[in-house]
Amino acid sequence: MQYLTLGSSGLTVSRIALGCMSYGDPGWRPWVLDEEAARPFFRRALEAGINLFDTADMYSLGRSEEITGRLLREMGRREELVVATKLFFPMGSGPNRSGLSRKHVAEACEASLRRLGLEAIDLYQIHRFDPKTPLEETLEALDLLVRQGKVRYLGASSGAAWQFARALGISERRGLARFASMQNHYNLLYREEEREMMPLCREEGLGVLPWSPLARGLLAGTRTSPADASSTPRARSDDYARHLYDHPSDADVIEAVRGVAAARGTAMAQVALAWLLSRPGVTAPIVGATKARHLEDAIASLDVVLTPEEVAALEAPYRPHAVRGVSGPGPAR
């Protein structure tokens, strides 16, 4: 396994993160694995040296956190692990069960700690920015969690660069705990983050943890198109993919990945992840795994070094996109 610090922080993380949305309650999403089915993935991840595990309170409405915490306590050494979770999306029908108000931030953190069975969350991330709550209120609430020792590092996910820059500025001016990372939508099919968010993260020394690094299986060759509902259980219930990946050039990018992979005699997923790992500023793609090969391809991608010619071939078909994945139903991603 390879490791990097999370941006300019002192926190060391593996270059592959295991995304734990896939583990929880199959009743929440039909492709989600229950605890016993999830167990081999945690064991293999730990054996491979993966130490970063990412979940969220909304994944299976808390069940993912419960399984993640229990299996990591059973199999891992706490001092070696980096456990990340997120808050924002509704956890119930009440008016204060979502968002980033001071009340919800405090209560969501306490609930996540109970479900995870931990004394502190290593990386606590806002799942989205909250347009209904003053940013100052959210940042002060998060800062208090750090000062109380309930949270060690702060992160954000899926916002606009101007929002993230404003948050960093407020934290600096007020002496508040600062975001250490951005978990954003970034892969070969969606590269709009290269315009503003990626340069901002590099300039500010922030770690980058891309979600959907394989574009919901499109870059791994498991789907022929976002509308393909026949290939996997996830594809049959995945309406959000059709919102994320709808550009005419997407097919050409997928074919470029297929071509490079065929020439190398390797899996498409390894090529797509190797490209992402080689991008300036990227710390660790968050990889979901419901089959053994998903995790094995992710681990193997660390040893794939693309040539400049291969990188050029992979990037050439891309065309500008409308913004995708900054708002909307994050838990379906």
Protein backbone atom coordinates (compact mmCIF):
# COMPACT_ATOMS: atom_id res chain seq x y z
CA MET A 1 0.00 0.00 0.00
CA GLN A 2 1.07 3.57 -0.65
CA TYR A 3 0.36 6.40 1.79
CA LEU A 4 0.16 10.19 1.72
CA THR A 5 -0.65 12.84 4.24
CA LEU A 6 -4.09 14.32 3.84
CA GLY A 7 -3.09 17.56 2.17
CA SER A 8 -0.83 19.62 4.40
CA SER A 9 -2.20 18.02 7.58
CA GLY A 10 -0.22 15.46 9.54
CA LEU A 11 -2.82 12.73 9.01
CA THR A 12 -1.46 9.80 6.98
CA VAL A 13 -3.94 7.89 4.81
CA SER A 14 -3.79 5.06 2.31
CA ARG A 15 -3.98 6.03 -1.35
CA ILE A 16 -7.11 3.92 -1.71
CA ALA A 17 -10.09 4.55 0.58
CA LEU A 18 -12.80 1.94 1.06
CA GLY A 19 -16.19 3.53 0.55
CA CYS A 20 -18.66 1.96 2.98
CA MET A 21 -21.94 3.05 1.42
CA SER A 22 -22.07 -0.47 -0.05
CA TYR A 23 -22.43 -2.02 3.41
CA GLY A 24 -25.57 -1.66 5.48
CA ASP A 25 -29.21 -2.55 4.91
CA PRO A 26 -30.21 -4.14 1.55
CA GLY A 27 -33.66 -2.72 2.18
CA TRP A 28 -32.22 0.78 1.74
CA ARG A 29 -30.73 -0.04 -1.68
CA PRO A 30 -30.94 -3.52 -3.29
CA TRP A 31 -27.20 -3.63 -4.08
CA VAL A 32 -26.11 -2.93 -0.47
CA LEU A 33 -24.44 -5.86 1.36
CA ASP A 34 -25.39 -6.84 4.90
CA GLU A 35 -22.83 -7.24 7.69
CA GLU A 36 -21.78 -10.82 7.00
CA ALA A 37 -21.44 -10.19 3.28
CA ALA A 38 -19.42 -7.04 4.02
CA ARG A 39 -16.98 -8.79 6.35
CA PRO A 40 -14.58 -10.14 3.65
CA PHE A 41 -14.19 -6.67 2.13
CA PHE A 42 -13.08 -5.12 5.41
CA ARG A 43 -10.71 -8.02 6.04
CA ARG A 44 -9.12 -7.75 2.59
CA ALA A 45 -8.87 -3.96 2.80
CA LEU A 46 -7.05 -4.20 6.14
CA GLU A 47 -4.77 -6.96 4.86
CA ALA A 48 -3.84 -4.76 1.89
CA GLY A 49 -2.96 -1.85 4.18
CA ILE A 50 -6.00 0.33 3.50
CA ASN A 51 -6.49 2.52 6.57
CA LEU A 52 -9.07 5.06 5.34
CA PHE A 53 -12.72 4.03 5.60
CA ASP A 54 -15.43 6.47 4.49
CA THR A 55 -19.10 6.30 5.40
CA ALA A 56 -21.97 8.72 6.19
CA ASP A 57 -24.86 8.82 8.61
CA MET A 58 -27.38 8.67 5.76
CA TYR A 59 -25.99 5.46 4.24
CA SER A 60 -28.61 2.88 5.13
CA LEU A 61 -29.88 5.45 7.66
CA GLY A 62 -27.09 4.73 10.13
CA ARG A 63 -26.65 1.01 9.50
CA SER A 64 -23.48 1.58 7.44
CA GLU A 65 -21.87 3.39 10.36
CA GLU A 66 -22.82 0.57 12.72
CA ILE A 67 -21.32 -2.11 10.47
CA THR A 68 -18.23 -0.05 9.68
CA GLY A 69 -17.53 0.64 13.33
CA ARG A 70 -18.17 -2.92 14.50
CA LEU A 71 -16.04 -4.62 11.84
CA LEU A 72 -13.16 -2.19 12.24
CA ARG A 73 -13.20 -2.64 16.01
CA GLU A 74 -13.19 -6.40 15.51
CA MET A 75 -10.50 -6.61 12.82
CA GLY A 76 -8.39 -3.48 13.00
CA ARG A 77 -6.18 -1.53 15.38
CA ARG A 78 -7.83 1.76 16.22
CA GLU A 79 -4.60 3.75 16.31
CA GLU A 80 -3.84 2.71 12.72
CA LEU A 81 -7.25 3.51 11.25
CA VAL A 82 -8.74 6.69 9.82
CA VAL A 83 -12.54 6.60 10.09
CA ALA A 84 -14.44 9.22 8.11
CA THR A 85 -18.15 9.95 8.12
CA LYS A 86 -20.46 12.72 6.92
CA LEU A 87 -23.59 14.64 7.86
CA PHE A 88 -26.19 16.83 6.13
CA PHE A 89 -28.90 14.66 4.56
CA PRO A 90 -32.12 13.85 6.47
CA MET A 91 -32.00 11.20 9.17
CA GLY A 92 -35.72 11.47 9.83
CA SER A 93 -38.80 13.54 9.06
CA GLY A 94 -38.36 16.13 11.81
CA PRO A 95 -37.49 19.74 10.91
CA ASN A 96 -34.10 19.57 12.66
CA ARG A 97 -33.03 16.12 11.43
CA SER A 98 -30.93 17.43 8.53
CA GLY A 99 -28.75 20.31 7.43
CA LEU A 100 -25.84 22.02 9.14
CA SER A 101 -27.39 24.02 11.97
CA ARG A 102 -25.52 24.14 15.27
CA LYS A 103 -28.18 21.87 16.76
CA HIS A 104 -28.02 19.24 14.02
CA VAL A 105 -24.21 19.27 13.80
CA ALA A 106 -23.94 18.55 17.53
CA GLU A 107 -26.64 15.89 17.59
CA ALA A 108 -25.52 14.21 14.36
CA CYS A 109 -21.97 13.92 15.66
CA GLU A 110 -23.12 12.32 18.91
CA ALA A 111 -25.31 9.87 17.00
CA SER A 112 -22.48 8.92 14.62
CA LEU A 113 -20.10 8.36 17.52
CA ARG A 114 -22.63 6.00 19.13
CA ARG A 115 -23.20 4.06 15.93
CA LEU A 116 -19.48 3.82 15.12
CA GLY A 117 -18.63 2.91 18.71
CA LEU A 118 -15.76 5.41 18.76
CA GLU A 119 -14.59 8.12 21.11
CA ALA A 120 -13.71 10.41 18.20
CA ILE A 121 -14.30 10.68 14.45
CA ASP A 122 -11.02 11.05 12.57
CA LEU A 123 -12.48 12.97 9.60
CA TYR A 124 -15.92 14.57 9.93
CA GLN A 125 -17.25 15.91 6.63
CA ILE A 126 -20.18 18.04 5.58
CA HIS A 127 -21.94 16.02 2.88
CA ARG A 128 -23.13 19.20 1.15
CA PHE A 129 -23.13 22.92 1.93
CA ASP A 130 -26.37 24.06 3.57
CA PRO A 131 -28.01 27.09 1.90
CA LYS A 132 -30.41 27.49 4.86
CA THR A 133 -27.76 27.88 7.58
CA PRO A 134 -25.21 30.70 7.85
CA LEU A 135 -21.80 29.28 7.03
CA GLU A 136 -20.36 30.93 10.14
CA GLU A 137 -22.78 28.97 12.34
CA THR A 138 -21.78 25.68 10.76
CA LEU A 139 -18.06 26.37 11.01
CA GLU A 140 -18.34 27.40 14.66
CA ALA A 141 -20.30 24.23 15.45
CA LEU A 142 -17.68 22.07 13.73
CA ASP A 143 -14.85 23.92 15.47
CA LEU A 144 -16.47 23.17 18.84
CA LEU A 145 -16.49 19.46 18.05
CA VAL A 146 -12.74 19.59 17.39
CA ARG A 147 -12.12 21.50 20.62
CA GLN A 148 -14.20 18.97 22.54
CA GLY A 149 -12.11 16.12 21.14
CA LYS A 150 -15.06 14.49 19.39
CA VAL A 151 -13.63 15.18 15.91
CA ARG A 152 -9.99 15.27 14.83
CA TYR A 153 -10.11 16.68 11.29
CA LEU A 154 -12.80 18.39 9.22
CA GLY A 155 -13.68 17.87 5.58
CA ALA A 156 -16.23 18.97 2.99
CA SER A 157 -17.88 17.20 0.09
CA SER A 158 -19.36 18.27 -3.22
CA GLY A 159 -19.48 22.03 -3.13
CA ALA A 160 -18.60 24.87 -5.45
CA ALA A 161 -15.07 26.25 -5.25
CA TRP A 162 -16.34 29.68 -4.18
CA GLN A 163 -18.20 28.10 -1.25
CA PHE A 164 -15.15 26.18 -0.16
CA ALA A 165 -12.89 29.24 -0.50
CA ARG A 166 -15.33 31.32 1.56
CA ALA A 167 -15.38 28.66 4.29
CA LEU A 168 -11.58 28.59 4.42
CA GLY A 169 -11.48 32.37 4.67
CA ILE A 170 -13.99 32.49 7.53
CA SER A 171 -12.08 29.82 9.44
CA GLU A 172 -8.80 31.67 9.00
CA ARG A 173 -10.20 35.05 10.08
CA ARG A 174 -11.98 33.64 13.14
CA GLY A 175 -9.29 31.19 14.21
CA LEU A 176 -11.56 28.17 13.70
CA ALA A 177 -10.57 24.61 12.86
CA ARG A 178 -10.06 24.47 9.10
CA PHE A 179 -11.23 21.98 6.50
CA ALA A 180 -8.43 19.52 5.70
CA SER A 181 -10.00 17.86 2.67
CA MET A 182 -12.52 17.95 -0.14
CA GLN A 183 -14.46 14.86 -1.23
CA ASN A 184 -15.54 15.74 -4.74
CA HIS A 185 -16.97 14.27 -7.93
CA TYR A 186 -13.93 13.69 -10.14
CA ASN A 187 -13.10 11.02 -12.73
CA LEU A 188 -12.26 10.67 -16.43
CA LEU A 189 -15.90 11.26 -17.40
CA TYR A 190 -16.27 14.34 -15.20
CA ARG A 191 -13.28 16.68 -15.07
CA GLU A 192 -14.94 20.05 -14.43
CA GLU A 193 -13.28 20.04 -10.98
CA GLU A 194 -10.00 20.78 -12.77
CA ARG A 195 -11.19 24.31 -13.52
CA GLU A 196 -11.38 25.73 -9.98
CA MET A 197 -11.72 23.15 -7.20
CA MET A 198 -8.53 21.19 -7.85
CA PRO A 199 -6.31 24.30 -8.15
CA LEU A 200 -7.90 25.68 -4.96
CA CYS A 201 -7.18 22.47 -3.06
CA ARG A 202 -3.57 22.38 -4.23
CA GLU A 203 -3.02 26.04 -3.36
CA GLU A 204 -4.58 25.67 0.10
CA GLY A 205 -2.92 22.36 0.93
CA LEU A 206 -6.11 20.31 1.07
CA GLY A 207 -6.44 16.59 0.52
CA VAL A 208 -8.73 15.42 -2.31
CA LEU A 209 -10.82 12.25 -1.95
CA PRO A 210 -12.76 11.77 -5.21
CA TRP A 211 -16.08 9.96 -5.08
CA SER A 212 -17.43 7.84 -7.94
CA PRO A 213 -13.89 7.40 -9.35
CA LEU A 214 -15.16 4.80 -11.83
CA ALA A 215 -18.26 6.78 -12.83
CA ARG A 216 -20.67 4.21 -11.36
CA GLY A 217 -19.05 1.36 -13.26
CA LEU A 218 -18.97 3.04 -16.68
CA LEU A 219 -15.17 3.35 -16.56
CA ALA A 220 -14.86 -0.25 -15.37
CA GLY A 221 -16.86 -1.59 -18.30
CA THR A 222 -19.64 -3.00 -16.12
CA ARG A 223 -22.24 -0.75 -17.77
CA THR A 224 -22.64 0.10 -21.41
CA SER A 225 -24.41 3.39 -20.60
CA PRO A 226 -26.00 5.19 -17.64
CA ALA A 227 -29.37 3.91 -18.83
CA ASP A 228 -28.19 0.28 -18.87
CA ALA A 229 -30.32 -1.40 -16.21
CA SER A 230 -29.39 -4.98 -17.07
CA SER A 231 -25.76 -5.28 -16.01
CA THR A 232 -25.74 -4.99 -12.22
CA PRO A 233 -28.21 -4.77 -9.31
CA ARG A 234 -27.05 -1.21 -8.73
CA ALA A 235 -27.71 -0.24 -12.34
CA ARG A 236 -31.31 -1.41 -12.03
CA SER A 237 -32.02 1.08 -9.24
CA ASP A 238 -29.64 3.90 -10.16
CA ASP A 239 -31.56 6.87 -11.54
CA TYR A 240 -28.88 9.33 -10.43
CA ALA A 241 -26.33 7.95 -12.93
CA ARG A 242 -28.44 9.27 -15.79
CA HIS A 243 -28.14 12.73 -14.24
CA LEU A 244 -24.39 12.51 -13.72
CA TYR A 245 -23.31 11.05 -17.03
CA ASP A 246 -25.28 12.31 -19.98
CA HIS A 247 -22.67 13.93 -22.24
CA PRO A 248 -22.23 12.76 -25.86
CA SER A 249 -18.45 12.53 -25.40
CA ASP A 250 -18.74 10.05 -22.51
CA ALA A 251 -18.82 7.05 -24.85
CA ASP A 252 -15.60 8.17 -26.51
CA VAL A 253 -13.85 8.49 -23.14
CA ILE A 254 -14.99 5.00 -22.16
CA GLU A 255 -13.67 3.63 -25.44
CA ALA A 256 -10.33 5.33 -24.81
CA VAL A 257 -10.09 3.60 -21.42
CA ARG A 258 -11.04 0.32 -23.05
CA GLY A 259 -8.33 0.77 -25.68
CA VAL A 260 -5.54 1.54 -23.20
CA ALA A 261 -6.62 -1.35 -20.98
CA ALA A 262 -6.70 -3.78 -23.91
CA ALA A 263 -3.24 -2.72 -25.07
CA ARG A 264 -1.89 -3.25 -21.57
CA GLY A 265 -3.81 -6.47 -20.98
CA THR A 266 -5.30 -5.11 -17.78
CA ALA A 267 -8.70 -4.19 -16.39
CA MET A 268 -10.37 -0.93 -17.37
CA ALA A 269 -10.89 -0.10 -13.71
CA GLN A 270 -7.15 -0.24 -13.06
CA VAL A 271 -6.45 2.18 -15.91
CA ALA A 272 -9.15 4.65 -14.86
CA LEU A 273 -8.02 4.61 -11.22
CA ALA A 274 -4.35 4.90 -12.20
CA TRP A 275 -5.18 8.05 -14.16
CA LEU A 276 -6.99 9.54 -11.18
CA LEU A 277 -4.19 8.63 -8.78
CA SER A 278 -1.71 10.40 -11.06
CA ARG A 279 -3.61 13.71 -11.05
CA PRO A 280 -1.96 16.53 -9.09
CA GLY A 281 -3.57 16.99 -5.69
CA VAL A 282 -5.48 13.70 -5.54
CA THR A 283 -4.94 11.88 -2.25
CA ALA A 284 -7.16 8.80 -2.35
CA PRO A 285 -10.12 7.81 -4.54
CA ILE A 286 -13.05 6.40 -2.55
CA VAL A 287 -13.73 2.97 -4.01
CA GLY A 288 -16.93 1.04 -3.43
CA ALA A 289 -16.70 -2.74 -3.60
CA THR A 290 -19.45 -5.35 -3.70
CA LYS A 291 -17.41 -7.98 -5.58
CA ALA A 292 -13.89 -9.15 -4.78
CA ARG A 293 -12.52 -7.93 -8.10
CA HIS A 294 -13.63 -4.36 -7.34
CA LEU A 295 -11.25 -4.18 -4.41
CA GLU A 296 -8.49 -6.15 -6.13
CA ASP A 297 -8.56 -3.84 -9.16
CA ALA A 298 -8.35 -0.81 -6.88
CA ILE A 299 -5.34 -2.20 -5.04
CA ALA A 300 -3.64 -3.23 -8.30
CA SER A 301 -4.14 0.24 -9.80
CA LEU A 302 -1.46 1.58 -7.45
CA ASP A 303 1.16 -0.28 -9.49
CA VAL A 304 -0.08 0.96 -12.89
CA VAL A 305 2.09 3.80 -14.20
CA LEU A 306 0.61 5.35 -17.34
CA THR A 307 2.84 6.73 -20.05
CA PRO A 308 2.40 10.33 -21.24
CA GLU A 309 0.98 8.93 -24.48
CA GLU A 310 -1.59 6.85 -22.62
CA VAL A 311 -2.62 9.82 -20.49
CA ALA A 312 -3.04 11.92 -23.62
CA ALA A 313 -5.18 9.21 -25.24
CA LEU A 314 -7.40 8.97 -22.15
CA GLU A 315 -7.89 12.72 -21.87
CA ALA A 316 -8.29 13.65 -25.55
CA PRO A 317 -12.00 12.74 -26.00
CA TYR A 318 -13.22 14.81 -23.04
CA ARG A 319 -15.46 17.80 -23.73
CA PRO A 320 -16.75 20.44 -21.26
CA HIS A 321 -19.74 19.39 -19.17
CA ALA A 322 -22.46 21.07 -17.20
CA VAL A 323 -21.78 20.96 -13.47
CA ARG A 324 -22.81 17.63 -11.94
CA GLY A 325 -22.76 16.17 -8.44
CA VAL A 326 -22.51 19.41 -6.44
CA SER A 327 -26.12 19.23 -5.25
CA GLY A 328 -28.80 16.61 -5.28
CA PRO A 329 -29.24 13.14 -3.80
CA GLY A 330 -25.77 12.36 -2.52
CA PRO A 331 -26.73 9.08 -0.80
CA ALA A 332 -27.67 7.58 -4.18
CA ARG A 333 -24.23 8.08 -5.58
